[in-house]
């Protein structure tokens, strides 16, 4: 399941995200979205977890938690475009 994480602090790293989600199960991929021009975080990321149960547990546990100075929002990513 692909998960969207929003409202991340600009200083949050991919390694920190990975550690947060690995506490709930296996992580297939972790992608912190970066600005093309300056290489800094845009404040959101995607995490993919192969087991739906683990992903749902991570969403329920992490949504609304404080990371750095920000309260993050975690939800299932919407599928876009044709495959």
Protein backbone atom coordinates (compact mmCIF):
# COMPACT_ATOMS: atom_id res chain seq x y z
CA UNK A 1 0.00 0.00 0.00
CA UNK A 2 1.28 3.43 -0.92
CA UNK A 3 1.09 5.98 1.91
CA UNK A 4 1.25 9.77 1.68
CA UNK A 5 2.89 11.71 4.51
CA UNK A 6 2.24 15.48 4.55
CA UNK A 7 3.26 18.47 6.66
CA UNK A 8 6.77 17.18 7.26
CA UNK A 9 9.38 19.53 8.65
CA UNK A 10 11.84 20.57 5.93
CA UNK A 11 14.60 19.04 8.07
CA UNK A 12 13.04 15.54 8.25
CA UNK A 13 15.25 12.99 6.48
CA UNK A 14 14.38 9.89 4.49
CA UNK A 15 16.23 7.81 7.12
CA UNK A 16 13.98 9.21 9.89
CA UNK A 17 10.87 8.42 7.84
CA UNK A 18 12.09 4.92 7.14
CA UNK A 19 12.70 4.28 10.85
CA UNK A 20 9.20 5.55 11.77
CA UNK A 21 7.49 3.22 9.31
CA UNK A 22 9.76 0.19 9.81
CA UNK A 23 8.55 0.14 13.42
CA UNK A 24 5.22 -1.05 11.95
CA UNK A 25 6.50 -3.58 9.41
CA UNK A 26 8.46 -4.04 6.20
CA UNK A 27 8.94 -0.97 4.00
CA UNK A 28 9.20 -1.52 0.25
CA UNK A 29 10.20 2.06 -0.61
CA UNK A 30 10.55 5.47 1.00
CA UNK A 31 10.63 8.61 -1.13
CA UNK A 32 11.03 12.08 0.38
CA UNK A 33 9.96 14.56 -2.32
CA UNK A 34 12.69 17.13 -2.98
CA UNK A 35 12.65 20.47 -4.77
CA UNK A 36 14.48 20.13 -8.11
CA UNK A 37 16.11 23.54 -7.80
CA UNK A 38 17.53 23.51 -4.28
CA UNK A 39 17.41 19.82 -3.30
CA UNK A 40 15.48 20.56 -0.10
CA UNK A 41 12.40 18.72 1.14
CA UNK A 42 9.03 19.91 -0.15
CA UNK A 43 7.42 18.76 3.12
CA UNK A 44 5.85 15.53 1.92
CA UNK A 45 6.82 11.95 1.15
CA UNK A 46 5.56 8.57 0.00
CA UNK A 47 6.17 5.26 1.74
CA UNK A 48 5.20 1.91 0.27
CA UNK A 49 4.51 -1.06 2.55
CA UNK A 50 3.84 -4.52 1.04
CA UNK A 51 1.50 -5.73 3.83
CA UNK A 52 -1.81 -3.85 3.97
CA UNK A 53 -2.29 -4.63 7.67
CA UNK A 54 1.11 -3.11 8.53
CA UNK A 55 0.36 -0.06 6.38
CA UNK A 56 -3.03 0.50 8.04
CA UNK A 57 -1.45 0.18 11.50
CA UNK A 58 1.25 2.70 10.55
CA UNK A 59 -1.36 5.16 9.22
CA UNK A 60 -3.51 4.84 12.34
CA UNK A 61 -0.55 5.20 14.72
CA UNK A 62 1.42 7.94 12.95
CA UNK A 63 -1.36 10.23 11.66
CA UNK A 64 -1.52 13.32 13.86
CA UNK A 65 1.80 12.67 15.62
CA UNK A 66 4.39 15.36 16.16
CA UNK A 67 7.63 14.99 14.19
CA UNK A 68 10.07 17.81 14.83
CA UNK A 69 7.89 20.91 15.19
CA UNK A 70 5.10 19.68 12.89
CA UNK A 71 2.00 17.54 13.29
CA UNK A 72 2.16 15.14 10.34
CA UNK A 73 -0.77 13.86 8.30
CA UNK A 74 -0.59 10.25 7.13
CA UNK A 75 -3.10 8.60 4.77
CA UNK A 76 -3.40 6.13 1.93
CA UNK A 77 -2.06 7.73 -1.26
CA UNK A 78 -4.62 8.18 -4.02
CA UNK A 79 -3.89 6.28 -7.21
CA UNK A 80 -3.44 8.64 -10.14
CA UNK A 81 -3.14 8.07 -13.86
CA UNK A 82 -3.36 4.90 -15.91
CA UNK A 83 -1.08 1.96 -15.30
